[in-house]
Amino acid sequence: MEFTVGGIIGTIIFGAVIGILARLVKPGPQRVSIVATVIIGIIGAVVGYFLAGLLGVESTGGIDWIRWLISIVVAVIVLGIYIGMSGGKGRGGTAR
């Protein structure tokens, strides 16, 4: 990921997609704002790319499915931690 304006915008868009996919994968009610979803997705993407690098997954010319899967798994874990730390509360009340 690059630290240019385009790289930052790309990271935000990628993070939003990863965050939304993580919310689709995670079962149960979730009262998480769109801003939190994007931030969780960005965390998942950055940590996922780091872990993929540690596992030796190289960048390919096409879609990096393994990096996507790792990023989504990390985002689901971060989402679970976020929901647990917020006590199931978010915008609009409790999720119980």
PDB file of N, CA and C in Angstrom:
ATOM      1  N   MET A   1       0.843  -1.168   0.000  1.00  0.00           N
ATOM      2  CA  MET A   1       0.000   0.000   0.000  1.00  0.00           C
ATOM      3  C   MET A   1       0.891   1.234   0.000  1.00  0.00           C
ATOM      4  N   GLU A   2       0.528   2.193  -0.823  1.00  0.00           N
ATOM      5  CA  GLU A   2       1.342   3.376  -1.000  1.00  0.00           C
ATOM      6  C   GLU A   2       0.817   4.526  -0.145  1.00  0.00           C
ATOM      7  N   PHE A   3       1.741   5.423   0.251  1.00  0.00           N
ATOM      8  CA  PHE A   3       1.361   6.602   1.002  1.00  0.00           C
ATOM      9  C   PHE A   3       1.275   7.809   0.082  1.00  0.00           C
ATOM     10  N   THR A   4       0.471   7.677  -0.961  1.00  0.00           N
ATOM     11  CA  THR A   4       0.156   8.772  -1.865  1.00  0.00           C
ATOM     12  C   THR A   4      -1.335   9.034  -1.723  1.00  0.00           C
ATOM     13  N   VAL A   5      -1.801  10.113  -2.294  1.00  0.00           N
ATOM     14  CA  VAL A   5      -3.231  10.406  -2.219  1.00  0.00           C
ATOM     15  C   VAL A   5      -4.029   9.263  -2.835  1.00  0.00           C
ATOM     16  N   GLY A   6      -3.590   8.777  -3.989  1.00  0.00           N
ATOM     17  CA  GLY A   6      -4.272   7.653  -4.634  1.00  0.00           C
ATOM     18  C   GLY A   6      -4.193   6.391  -3.802  1.00  0.00           C
ATOM     19  N   GLY A   7      -3.031   6.169  -3.176  1.00  0.00           N
ATOM     20  CA  GLY A   7      -2.867   4.992  -2.325  1.00  0.00           C
ATOM     21  C   GLY A   7      -3.757   5.046  -1.097  1.00  0.00           C
ATOM     22  N   ILE A   8      -3.881   6.224  -0.509  1.00  0.00           N
ATOM     23  CA  ILE A   8      -4.727   6.393   0.679  1.00  0.00           C
ATOM     24  C   ILE A   8      -6.201   6.217   0.302  1.00  0.00           C
ATOM     25  N   ILE A   9      -6.609   6.809  -0.812  1.00  0.00           N
ATOM     26  CA  ILE A   9      -8.001   6.648  -1.263  1.00  0.00           C
ATOM     27  C   ILE A   9      -8.281   5.184  -1.594  1.00  0.00           C
ATOM     28  N   GLY A  10      -7.338   4.525  -2.248  1.00  0.00           N
ATOM     29  CA  GLY A  10      -7.493   3.106  -2.554  1.00  0.00           C
ATOM     30  C   GLY A  10      -7.603   2.262  -1.296  1.00  0.00           C
ATOM     31  N   THR A  11      -6.819   2.598  -0.277  1.00  0.00           N
ATOM     32  CA  THR A  11      -6.870   1.875   0.997  1.00  0.00           C
ATOM     33  C   THR A  11      -8.224   2.068   1.672  1.00  0.00           C
ATOM     34  N   ILE A  12      -8.756   3.276   1.624  1.00  0.00           N
ATOM     35  CA  ILE A  12     -10.074   3.536   2.222  1.00  0.00           C
ATOM     36  C   ILE A  12     -11.153   2.743   1.487  1.00  0.00           C
ATOM     37  N   ILE A  13     -11.106   2.741   0.163  1.00  0.00           N
ATOM     38  CA  ILE A  13     -12.102   1.989  -0.611  1.00  0.00           C
ATOM     39  C   ILE A  13     -11.960   0.493  -0.344  1.00  0.00           C
ATOM     40  N   PHE A  14     -10.722  -0.004  -0.378  1.00  0.00           N
ATOM     41  CA  PHE A  14     -10.471  -1.419  -0.102  1.00  0.00           C
ATOM     42  C   PHE A  14     -10.932  -1.766   1.315  1.00  0.00           C
ATOM     43  N   GLY A  15     -10.655  -0.881   2.267  1.00  0.00           N
ATOM     44  CA  GLY A  15     -11.083  -1.101   3.649  1.00  0.00           C
ATOM     45  C   GLY A  15     -12.589  -1.154   3.783  1.00  0.00           C
ATOM     46  N   ALA A  16     -13.282  -0.286   3.045  1.00  0.00           N
ATOM     47  CA  ALA A  16     -14.750  -0.298   3.084  1.00  0.00           C
ATOM     48  C   ALA A  16     -15.290  -1.625   2.564  1.00  0.00           C
ATOM     49  N   VAL A  17     -14.725  -2.103   1.466  1.00  0.00           N
ATOM     50  CA  VAL A  17     -15.168  -3.383   0.898  1.00  0.00           C
ATOM     51  C   VAL A  17     -14.885  -4.521   1.874  1.00  0.00           C
ATOM     52  N   ILE A  18     -13.678  -4.551   2.434  1.00  0.00           N
ATOM     53  CA  ILE A  18     -13.319  -5.609   3.393  1.00  0.00           C
ATOM     54  C   ILE A  18     -14.223  -5.529   4.620  1.00  0.00           C
ATOM     55  N   GLY A  19     -14.488  -4.331   5.122  1.00  0.00           N
ATOM     56  CA  GLY A  19     -15.368  -4.165   6.286  1.00  0.00           C
ATOM     57  C   GLY A  19     -16.775  -4.652   6.018  1.00  0.00           C
ATOM     58  N   ILE A  20     -17.299  -4.324   4.847  1.00  0.00           N
ATOM     59  CA  ILE A  20     -18.654  -4.780   4.486  1.00  0.00           C
ATOM     60  C   ILE A  20     -18.690  -6.296   4.345  1.00  0.00           C
ATOM     61  N   LEU A  21     -17.676  -6.872   3.710  1.00  0.00           N
ATOM     62  CA  LEU A  21     -17.624  -8.335   3.575  1.00  0.00           C
ATOM     63  C   LEU A  21     -17.500  -9.003   4.945  1.00  0.00           C
ATOM     64  N   ALA A  22     -16.728  -8.399   5.842  1.00  0.00           N
ATOM     65  CA  ALA A  22     -16.595  -8.956   7.197  1.00  0.00           C
ATOM     66  C   ALA A  22     -17.938  -8.941   7.914  1.00  0.00           C
ATOM     67  N   ARG A  23     -18.704  -7.872   7.740  1.00  0.00           N
ATOM     68  CA  ARG A  23     -20.024  -7.808   8.377  1.00  0.00           C
ATOM     69  C   ARG A  23     -20.980  -8.828   7.785  1.00  0.00           C
ATOM     70  N   LEU A  24     -20.835  -9.127   6.499  1.00  0.00           N
ATOM     71  CA  LEU A  24     -21.677 -10.146   5.878  1.00  0.00           C
ATOM     72  C   LEU A  24     -21.322 -11.541   6.380  1.00  0.00           C
ATOM     73  N   VAL A  25     -20.037 -11.767   6.657  1.00  0.00           N
ATOM     74  CA  VAL A  25     -19.574 -13.080   7.106  1.00  0.00           C
ATOM     75  C   VAL A  25     -19.905 -13.315   8.578  1.00  0.00           C
ATOM     76  N   LYS A  26     -19.787 -12.271   9.395  1.00  0.00           N
ATOM     77  CA  LYS A  26     -19.994 -12.414  10.848  1.00  0.00           C
ATOM     78  C   LYS A  26     -21.477 -12.583  11.141  1.00  0.00           C
ATOM     79  N   PRO A  27     -21.838 -13.690  11.815  1.00  0.00           N
ATOM     80  CA  PRO A  27     -23.250 -13.920  12.129  1.00  0.00           C
ATOM     81  C   PRO A  27     -23.717 -13.035  13.285  1.00  0.00           C
ATOM     82  N   GLY A  28     -25.012 -12.897  13.388  1.00  0.00           N
ATOM     83  CA  GLY A  28     -25.594 -12.170  14.511  1.00  0.00           C
ATOM     84  C   GLY A  28     -25.812 -10.703  14.214  1.00  0.00           C
ATOM     85  N   PRO A  29     -26.555 -10.048  15.113  1.00  0.00           N
ATOM     86  CA  PRO A  29     -26.840  -8.626  14.921  1.00  0.00           C
ATOM     87  C   PRO A  29     -25.590  -7.776  15.133  1.00  0.00           C
ATOM     88  N   GLN A  30     -25.489  -6.727  14.350  1.00  0.00           N
ATOM     89  CA  GLN A  30     -24.344  -5.828  14.449  1.00  0.00           C
ATOM     90  C   GLN A  30     -24.839  -4.403  14.291  1.00  0.00           C
ATOM     91  N   ARG A  31     -24.622  -3.622  15.298  1.00  0.00           N
ATOM     92  CA  ARG A  31     -24.970  -2.203  15.203  1.00  0.00           C
ATOM     93  C   ARG A  31     -23.662  -1.431  15.152  1.00  0.00           C
ATOM     94  N   VAL A  32     -23.115  -1.367  13.953  1.00  0.00           N
ATOM     95  CA  VAL A  32     -21.811  -0.756  13.735  1.00  0.00           C
ATOM     96  C   VAL A  32     -21.987   0.325  12.670  1.00  0.00           C
ATOM     97  N   SER A  33     -21.473   1.519  12.956  1.00  0.00           N
ATOM     98  CA  SER A  33     -21.602   2.615  12.001  1.00  0.00           C
ATOM     99  C   SER A  33     -20.771   2.342  10.753  1.00  0.00           C
ATOM    100  N   ILE A  34     -21.064   3.080   9.701  1.00  0.00           N
ATOM    101  CA  ILE A  34     -20.313   2.915   8.451  1.00  0.00           C
ATOM    102  C   ILE A  34     -18.862   3.354   8.644  1.00  0.00           C
ATOM    103  N   VAL A  35     -18.635   4.373   9.465  1.00  0.00           N
ATOM    104  CA  VAL A  35     -17.262   4.824   9.732  1.00  0.00           C
ATOM    105  C   VAL A  35     -16.482   3.722  10.440  1.00  0.00           C
ATOM    106  N   ALA A  36     -17.102   3.099  11.448  1.00  0.00           N
ATOM    107  CA  ALA A  36     -16.442   1.997  12.158  1.00  0.00           C
ATOM    108  C   ALA A  36     -16.211   0.822  11.215  1.00  0.00           C
ATOM    109  N   THR A  37     -17.162   0.559  10.323  1.00  0.00           N
ATOM    110  CA  THR A  37     -17.012  -0.526   9.347  1.00  0.00           C
ATOM    111  C   THR A  37     -15.800  -0.287   8.453  1.00  0.00           C
ATOM    112  N   VAL A  38     -15.639   0.949   7.980  1.00  0.00           N
ATOM    113  CA  VAL A  38     -14.504   1.279   7.116  1.00  0.00           C
ATOM    114  C   VAL A  38     -13.194   1.153   7.894  1.00  0.00           C
ATOM    115  N   ILE A  39     -13.160   1.667   9.118  1.00  0.00           N
ATOM    116  CA  ILE A  39     -11.946   1.588   9.936  1.00  0.00           C
ATOM    117  C   ILE A  39     -11.583   0.138  10.230  1.00  0.00           C
ATOM    118  N   ILE A  40     -12.575  -0.672  10.577  1.00  0.00           N
ATOM    119  CA  ILE A  40     -12.342  -2.103  10.823  1.00  0.00           C
ATOM    120  C   ILE A  40     -11.828  -2.767   9.550  1.00  0.00           C
ATOM    121  N   GLY A  41     -12.397  -2.408   8.416  1.00  0.00           N
ATOM    122  CA  GLY A  41     -11.935  -2.957   7.139  1.00  0.00           C
ATOM    123  C   GLY A  41     -10.509  -2.551   6.806  1.00  0.00           C
ATOM    124  N   ILE A  42     -10.159  -1.294   7.091  1.00  0.00           N
ATOM    125  CA  ILE A  42      -8.792  -0.832   6.847  1.00  0.00           C
ATOM    126  C   ILE A  42      -7.816  -1.588   7.737  1.00  0.00           C
ATOM    127  N   ILE A  43      -8.175  -1.763   9.001  1.00  0.00           N
ATOM    128  CA  ILE A  43      -7.318  -2.537   9.911  1.00  0.00           C
ATOM    129  C   ILE A  43      -7.159  -3.959   9.384  1.00  0.00           C
ATOM    130  N   GLY A  44      -8.277  -4.570   8.972  1.00  0.00           N
ATOM    131  CA  GLY A  44      -8.219  -5.919   8.414  1.00  0.00           C
ATOM    132  C   GLY A  44      -7.346  -6.002   7.183  1.00  0.00           C
ATOM    133  N   ALA A  45      -7.454  -4.995   6.312  1.00  0.00           N
ATOM    134  CA  ALA A  45      -6.665  -4.993   5.078  1.00  0.00           C
ATOM    135  C   ALA A  45      -5.180  -4.836   5.362  1.00  0.00           C
ATOM    136  N   VAL A  46      -4.828  -3.888   6.223  1.00  0.00           N
ATOM    137  CA  VAL A  46      -3.412  -3.644   6.523  1.00  0.00           C
ATOM    138  C   VAL A  46      -2.790  -4.846   7.226  1.00  0.00           C
ATOM    139  N   VAL A  47      -3.463  -5.354   8.252  1.00  0.00           N
ATOM    140  CA  VAL A  47      -2.929  -6.517   8.974  1.00  0.00           C
ATOM    141  C   VAL A  47      -2.943  -7.747   8.074  1.00  0.00           C
ATOM    142  N   GLY A  48      -3.988  -7.896   7.265  1.00  0.00           N
ATOM    143  CA  GLY A  48      -4.070  -9.026   6.341  1.00  0.00           C
ATOM    144  C   GLY A  48      -2.945  -9.027   5.330  1.00  0.00           C
ATOM    145  N   TYR A  49      -2.627  -7.860   4.782  1.00  0.00           N
ATOM    146  CA  TYR A  49      -1.516  -7.775   3.827  1.00  0.00           C
ATOM    147  C   TYR A  49      -0.189  -8.069   4.518  1.00  0.00           C
ATOM    148  N   PHE A  50      -0.037  -7.599   5.760  1.00  0.00           N
ATOM    149  CA  PHE A  50       1.182  -7.878   6.517  1.00  0.00           C
ATOM    150  C   PHE A  50       1.326  -9.383   6.759  1.00  0.00           C
ATOM    151  N   LEU A  51       0.245 -10.022   7.211  1.00  0.00           N
ATOM    152  CA  LEU A  51       0.285 -11.469   7.462  1.00  0.00           C
ATOM    153  C   LEU A  51       0.523 -12.246   6.174  1.00  0.00           C
ATOM    154  N   ALA A  52      -0.092 -11.816   5.092  1.00  0.00           N
ATOM    155  CA  ALA A  52       0.122 -12.490   3.803  1.00  0.00           C
ATOM    156  C   ALA A  52       1.586 -12.401   3.405  1.00  0.00           C
ATOM    157  N   GLY A  53       2.206 -11.261   3.652  1.00  0.00           N
ATOM    158  CA  GLY A  53       3.633 -11.104   3.362  1.00  0.00           C
ATOM    159  C   GLY A  53       4.485 -12.037   4.200  1.00  0.00           C
ATOM    160  N   LEU A  54       4.105 -12.191   5.486  1.00  0.00           N
ATOM    161  CA  LEU A  54       4.836 -13.117   6.359  1.00  0.00           C
ATOM    162  C   LEU A  54       4.692 -14.564   5.886  1.00  0.00           C
ATOM    163  N   LEU A  55       3.531 -14.873   5.297  1.00  0.00           N
ATOM    164  CA  LEU A  55       3.285 -16.228   4.808  1.00  0.00           C
ATOM    165  C   LEU A  55       3.880 -16.465   3.423  1.00  0.00           C
ATOM    166  N   GLY A  56       4.491 -15.431   2.853  1.00  0.00           N
ATOM    167  CA  GLY A  56       5.137 -15.579   1.556  1.00  0.00           C
ATOM    168  C   GLY A  56       4.212 -15.429   0.371  1.00  0.00           C
ATOM    169  N   VAL A  57       3.010 -14.878   0.585  1.00  0.00           N
ATOM    170  CA  VAL A  57       2.081 -14.663  -0.523  1.00  0.00           C
ATOM    171  C   VAL A  57       2.573 -13.450  -1.298  1.00  0.00           C
ATOM    172  N   GLU A  58       2.899 -13.660  -2.544  1.00  0.00           N
ATOM    173  CA  GLU A  58       3.414 -12.592  -3.397  1.00  0.00           C
ATOM    174  C   GLU A  58       2.268 -11.921  -4.145  1.00  0.00           C
ATOM    175  N   SER A  59       2.481 -10.683  -4.509  1.00  0.00           N
ATOM    176  CA  SER A  59       1.509  -9.959  -5.303  1.00  0.00           C
ATOM    177  C   SER A  59       1.432 -10.585  -6.695  1.00  0.00           C
ATOM    178  N   THR A  60       0.230 -10.708  -7.199  1.00  0.00           N
ATOM    179  CA  THR A  60       0.041 -11.278  -8.526  1.00  0.00           C
ATOM    180  C   THR A  60      -0.541 -10.230  -9.455  1.00  0.00           C
ATOM    181  N   GLY A  61      -0.569 -10.544 -10.718  1.00  0.00           N
ATOM    182  CA  GLY A  61      -1.143  -9.630 -11.687  1.00  0.00           C
ATOM    183  C   GLY A  61      -2.653  -9.582 -11.621  1.00  0.00           C
ATOM    184  N   GLY A  62      -3.261 -10.603 -11.078  1.00  0.00           N
ATOM    185  CA  GLY A  62      -4.716 -10.674 -10.972  1.00  0.00           C
ATOM    186  C   GLY A  62      -5.178 -10.366  -9.560  1.00  0.00           C
ATOM    187  N   ILE A  63      -6.297 -10.935  -9.187  1.00  0.00           N
ATOM    188  CA  ILE A  63      -6.851 -10.725  -7.853  1.00  0.00           C
ATOM    189  C   ILE A  63      -6.089 -11.616  -6.874  1.00  0.00           C
ATOM    190  N   ASP A  64      -5.639 -11.023  -5.788  1.00  0.00           N
ATOM    191  CA  ASP A  64      -4.927 -11.775  -4.750  1.00  0.00           C
ATOM    192  C   ASP A  64      -5.941 -12.371  -3.782  1.00  0.00           C
ATOM    193  N   TRP A  65      -6.514 -13.523  -4.149  1.00  0.00           N
ATOM    194  CA  TRP A  65      -7.580 -14.132  -3.353  1.00  0.00           C
ATOM    195  C   TRP A  65      -7.123 -14.463  -1.942  1.00  0.00           C
ATOM    196  N   ILE A  66      -5.897 -14.933  -1.790  1.00  0.00           N
ATOM    197  CA  ILE A  66      -5.416 -15.303  -0.460  1.00  0.00           C
ATOM    198  C   ILE A  66      -5.326 -14.060   0.427  1.00  0.00           C
ATOM    199  N   ARG A  67      -4.821 -12.960  -0.117  1.00  0.00           N
ATOM    200  CA  ARG A  67      -4.757 -11.715   0.658  1.00  0.00           C
ATOM    201  C   ARG A  67      -6.155 -11.235   1.030  1.00  0.00           C
ATOM    202  N   TRP A  68      -7.090 -11.349   0.098  1.00  0.00           N
ATOM    203  CA  TRP A  68      -8.465 -10.944   0.402  1.00  0.00           C
ATOM    204  C   TRP A  68      -9.027 -11.793   1.544  1.00  0.00           C
ATOM    205  N   LEU A  69      -8.856 -13.106   1.457  1.00  0.00           N
ATOM    206  CA  LEU A  69      -9.385 -13.988   2.502  1.00  0.00           C
ATOM    207  C   LEU A  69      -8.758 -13.696   3.854  1.00  0.00           C
ATOM    208  N   ILE A  70      -7.449 -13.513   3.877  1.00  0.00           N
ATOM    209  CA  ILE A  70      -6.773 -13.201   5.136  1.00  0.00           C
ATOM    210  C   ILE A  70      -7.281 -11.870   5.676  1.00  0.00           C
ATOM    211  N   SER A  71      -7.437 -10.876   4.821  1.00  0.00           N
ATOM    212  CA  SER A  71      -7.922  -9.563   5.247  1.00  0.00           C
ATOM    213  C   SER A  71      -9.339  -9.640   5.805  1.00  0.00           C
ATOM    214  N   ILE A  72     -10.197 -10.428   5.175  1.00  0.00           N
ATOM    215  CA  ILE A  72     -11.575 -10.576   5.654  1.00  0.00           C
ATOM    216  C   ILE A  72     -11.592 -11.282   7.006  1.00  0.00           C
ATOM    217  N   VAL A  73     -10.795 -12.339   7.155  1.00  0.00           N
ATOM    218  CA  VAL A  73     -10.735 -13.055   8.440  1.00  0.00           C
ATOM    219  C   VAL A  73     -10.265 -12.120   9.550  1.00  0.00           C
ATOM    220  N   VAL A  74      -9.228 -11.346   9.275  1.00  0.00           N
ATOM    221  CA  VAL A  74      -8.730 -10.394  10.273  1.00  0.00           C
ATOM    222  C   VAL A  74      -9.812  -9.367  10.600  1.00  0.00           C
ATOM    223  N   ALA A  75     -10.514  -8.863   9.599  1.00  0.00           N
ATOM    224  CA  ALA A  75     -11.575  -7.883   9.827  1.00  0.00           C
ATOM    225  C   ALA A  75     -12.725  -8.477  10.639  1.00  0.00           C
ATOM    226  N   VAL A  76     -13.069  -9.743  10.415  1.00  0.00           N
ATOM    227  CA  VAL A  76     -14.118 -10.399  11.212  1.00  0.00           C
ATOM    228  C   VAL A  76     -13.678 -10.478  12.674  1.00  0.00           C
ATOM    229  N   ILE A  77     -12.414 -10.797  12.899  1.00  0.00           N
ATOM    230  CA  ILE A  77     -11.893 -10.866  14.272  1.00  0.00           C
ATOM    231  C   ILE A  77     -11.936  -9.482  14.924  1.00  0.00           C
ATOM    232  N   VAL A  78     -11.490  -8.460  14.193  1.00  0.00           N
ATOM    233  CA  VAL A  78     -11.516  -7.091  14.719  1.00  0.00           C
ATOM    234  C   VAL A  78     -12.956  -6.646  14.970  1.00  0.00           C
ATOM    235  N   LEU A  79     -13.875  -7.001  14.085  1.00  0.00           N
ATOM    236  CA  LEU A  79     -15.288  -6.680  14.265  1.00  0.00           C
ATOM    237  C   LEU A  79     -15.829  -7.325  15.535  1.00  0.00           C
ATOM    238  N   GLY A  80     -15.488  -8.584  15.757  1.00  0.00           N
ATOM    239  CA  GLY A  80     -15.920  -9.265  16.984  1.00  0.00           C
ATOM    240  C   GLY A  80     -15.378  -8.588  18.233  1.00  0.00           C
ATOM    241  N   ILE A  81     -14.114  -8.181  18.187  1.00  0.00           N
ATOM    242  CA  ILE A  81     -13.506  -7.474  19.319  1.00  0.00           C
ATOM    243  C   ILE A  81     -14.211  -6.137  19.538  1.00  0.00           C
ATOM    244  N   TYR A  82     -14.479  -5.419  18.453  1.00  0.00           N
ATOM    245  CA  TYR A  82     -15.159  -4.126  18.545  1.00  0.00           C
ATOM    246  C   TYR A  82     -16.546  -4.280  19.175  1.00  0.00           C
ATOM    247  N   ILE A  83     -17.307  -5.256  18.700  1.00  0.00           N
ATOM    248  CA  ILE A  83     -18.655  -5.474  19.235  1.00  0.00           C
ATOM    249  C   ILE A  83     -18.568  -5.872  20.706  1.00  0.00           C
ATOM    250  N   GLY A  84     -17.583  -6.737  21.040  1.00  0.00           N
ATOM    251  CA  GLY A  84     -17.416  -7.148  22.426  1.00  0.00           C
ATOM    252  C   GLY A  84     -17.023  -5.990  23.327  1.00  0.00           C
ATOM    253  N   MET A  85     -16.144  -5.123  22.854  1.00  0.00           N
ATOM    254  CA  MET A  85     -15.694  -3.991  23.662  1.00  0.00           C
ATOM    255  C   MET A  85     -16.770  -2.921  23.804  1.00  0.00           C
ATOM    256  N   SER A  86     -17.642  -2.816  22.816  1.00  0.00           N
ATOM    257  CA  SER A  86     -18.700  -1.819  22.897  1.00  0.00           C
ATOM    258  C   SER A  86     -19.905  -2.358  23.656  1.00  0.00           C
ATOM    259  N   GLY A  87     -19.804  -3.577  24.154  1.00  0.00           N
ATOM    260  CA  GLY A  87     -20.894  -4.166  24.928  1.00  0.00           C
ATOM    261  C   GLY A  87     -22.127  -4.445  24.089  1.00  0.00           C
ATOM    262  N   GLY A  88     -21.927  -4.638  22.787  1.00  0.00           N
ATOM    263  CA  GLY A  88     -23.065  -4.898  21.909  1.00  0.00           C
ATOM    264  C   GLY A  88     -23.812  -3.636  21.550  1.00  0.00           C
ATOM    265  N   LYS A  89     -23.319  -2.495  22.036  1.00  0.00           N
ATOM    266  CA  LYS A  89     -23.987  -1.225  21.763  1.00  0.00           C
ATOM    267  C   LYS A  89     -23.351  -0.543  20.572  1.00  0.00           C
ATOM    268  N   GLY A  90     -24.108   0.171  19.902  1.00  0.00           N
ATOM    269  CA  GLY A  90     -23.646   0.944  18.769  1.00  0.00           C
ATOM    270  C   GLY A  90     -24.674   1.995  18.479  1.00  0.00           C
ATOM    271  N   ARG A  91     -24.718   2.479  17.295  1.00  0.00           N
ATOM    272  CA  ARG A  91     -25.730   3.445  16.939  1.00  0.00           C
ATOM    273  C   ARG A  91     -27.095   2.774  16.973  1.00  0.00           C
ATOM    274  N   GLY A  92     -27.996   3.319  17.694  1.00  0.00           N
ATOM    275  CA  GLY A  92     -29.343   2.790  17.704  1.00  0.00           C
ATOM    276  C   GLY A  92     -29.645   1.867  18.870  1.00  0.00           C
ATOM    277  N   GLY A  93     -28.754   1.731  19.847  1.00  0.00           N
ATOM    278  CA  GLY A  93     -29.062   0.928  21.024  1.00  0.00           C
ATOM    279  C   GLY A  93     -28.338  -0.393  21.086  1.00  0.00           C
ATOM    280  N   THR A  94     -28.891  -1.302  21.876  1.00  0.00           N
ATOM    281  CA  THR A  94     -28.223  -2.583  22.085  1.00  0.00           C
ATOM    282  C   THR A  94     -28.508  -3.526  20.942  1.00  0.00           C
ATOM    283  N   ALA A  95     -27.601  -4.473  20.786  1.00  0.00           N
ATOM    284  CA  ALA A  95     -27.731  -5.462  19.714  1.00  0.00           C
ATOM    285  C   ALA A  95     -28.255  -6.775  20.246  1.00  0.00           C
ATOM    286  N   ARG A  96     -28.717  -6.795  21.455  1.00  0.00           N
ATOM    287  CA  ARG A  96     -29.170  -8.055  22.065  1.00  0.00           C
ATOM    288  C   ARG A  96     -30.614  -8.313  21.897  1.00  0.00           C
TER     289      ARG A  96
END
